[in-house]
Every structure is written in C-alpha cells, then in structure tokens.
C-alpha cells in the first residue's frame, strides 16, 4: 500500500497540535515527520504521540491526523 497525494492532502486538512518548538517540528505530511518531539508516550502499549499529531507505533506503523494509517516499514538489508 502506498501513500497517494490525495491521502496526504486529506491528512494535511485536519488541524494538528500547534508546535511550539524552535525550529518548528516537521508537519504530519512531511517525509521527516518522525523527527517531531514526543509529547506523550505509552511504551507499555507500544505507541507515542508526536507534537505534529502523528501517533507512531513500536512496529514503525503510523497514524496521521485525520485517521490515515501508514503500515509498518520493512527493515532494509544492508548487504
């Protein structure tokens, strides 16, 4: 499953939490969205909330604002 431009626009249309960090954290639709600061973490449940509104899971899956889910990323072999 891949992320389409329509899905990214739909996620961007939903307001997320306002980032107060300087420099600002990446938006939920940015490729580097995982670099945002963690504002809440629940390691016992396997997820963390980032300040851009993205929920990241221990299996590398993500839930974007607006409810769009990204599947876990597969580890790349470095041979």
Protein backbone atom coordinates (compact mmCIF):
# COMPACT_ATOMS: atom_id res chain seq x y z
CA UNK A 1 0.00 0.00 0.00
CA UNK A 2 1.41 3.41 -0.93
CA UNK A 3 0.54 6.92 0.16
CA UNK A 4 -1.22 8.86 -2.58
CA UNK A 5 -1.24 12.63 -2.99
CA UNK A 6 -4.97 12.62 -2.17
CA UNK A 7 -4.33 10.86 1.16
CA UNK A 8 -1.59 13.36 2.07
CA UNK A 9 -3.85 16.33 1.27
CA UNK A 10 -6.65 14.80 3.39
CA UNK A 11 -4.29 14.38 6.35
CA UNK A 12 -3.00 17.94 5.94
CA UNK A 13 -6.55 19.34 6.02
CA UNK A 14 -7.04 18.21 9.61
CA UNK A 15 -5.61 20.68 12.13
CA UNK A 16 -2.93 19.17 14.31
CA UNK A 17 -1.45 20.29 17.58
CA UNK A 18 0.49 23.55 17.30
CA UNK A 19 4.23 23.02 17.59
CA UNK A 20 5.93 25.49 19.91
CA UNK A 21 9.47 24.22 19.34
CA UNK A 22 12.13 26.33 17.64
CA UNK A 23 12.83 25.41 14.93
CA UNK A 24 9.39 24.02 14.29
CA UNK A 25 8.92 20.28 14.09
CA UNK A 26 8.11 18.75 10.68
CA UNK A 27 4.46 18.71 9.66
CA UNK A 28 2.48 15.47 9.79
CA UNK A 29 2.64 15.30 5.99
CA UNK A 30 6.41 15.88 5.73
CA UNK A 31 8.70 12.96 4.85
CA UNK A 32 10.64 13.51 8.10
CA UNK A 33 7.50 13.68 10.28
CA UNK A 34 9.04 11.15 12.74
CA UNK A 35 11.60 13.79 13.80
CA UNK A 36 8.95 15.74 15.75
CA UNK A 37 9.19 15.89 19.55
CA UNK A 38 7.38 13.26 21.62
CA UNK A 39 4.65 14.81 23.78
CA UNK A 40 3.20 11.59 25.23
CA UNK A 41 4.48 8.05 25.32
CA UNK A 42 2.94 4.76 26.36
CA UNK A 43 5.68 2.13 25.98
CA UNK A 44 3.52 -0.46 27.70
CA UNK A 45 1.03 -0.08 24.84
CA UNK A 46 3.67 0.43 22.15
CA UNK A 47 2.93 3.95 20.90
CA UNK A 48 3.96 7.60 21.22
CA UNK A 49 2.28 10.87 20.26
CA UNK A 50 4.39 13.47 18.45
CA UNK A 51 3.76 17.22 18.63
CA UNK A 52 2.68 17.25 14.97
CA UNK A 53 -0.26 14.98 15.83
CA UNK A 54 1.26 11.76 14.46
CA UNK A 55 0.98 8.59 16.53
CA UNK A 56 3.99 6.30 15.98
CA UNK A 57 3.92 2.64 16.94
CA UNK A 58 6.78 0.38 18.02
CA UNK A 59 6.39 -1.66 14.82
CA UNK A 60 7.10 1.59 12.81
CA UNK A 61 3.48 1.97 11.73
CA UNK A 62 1.97 5.45 11.98
CA UNK A 63 -1.42 7.08 12.38
CA UNK A 64 -1.63 10.55 10.82
CA UNK A 65 -4.03 13.27 11.93
CA UNK A 66 -7.34 12.64 10.21
CA UNK A 67 -7.12 8.89 10.73
CA UNK A 68 -4.94 7.86 7.79
CA UNK A 69 -2.80 4.86 8.75
CA UNK A 70 0.65 4.11 7.35
CA UNK A 71 1.74 0.48 7.51
CA UNK A 72 4.96 -0.56 9.26
CA UNK A 73 8.14 -0.02 7.26
CA UNK A 74 10.22 -3.04 6.47
CA UNK A 75 13.85 -3.05 7.54
CA UNK A 76 16.24 -2.75 4.63
CA UNK A 77 19.00 -5.25 4.18
CA UNK A 78 22.47 -3.61 4.03
CA UNK A 79 24.35 -6.27 2.09
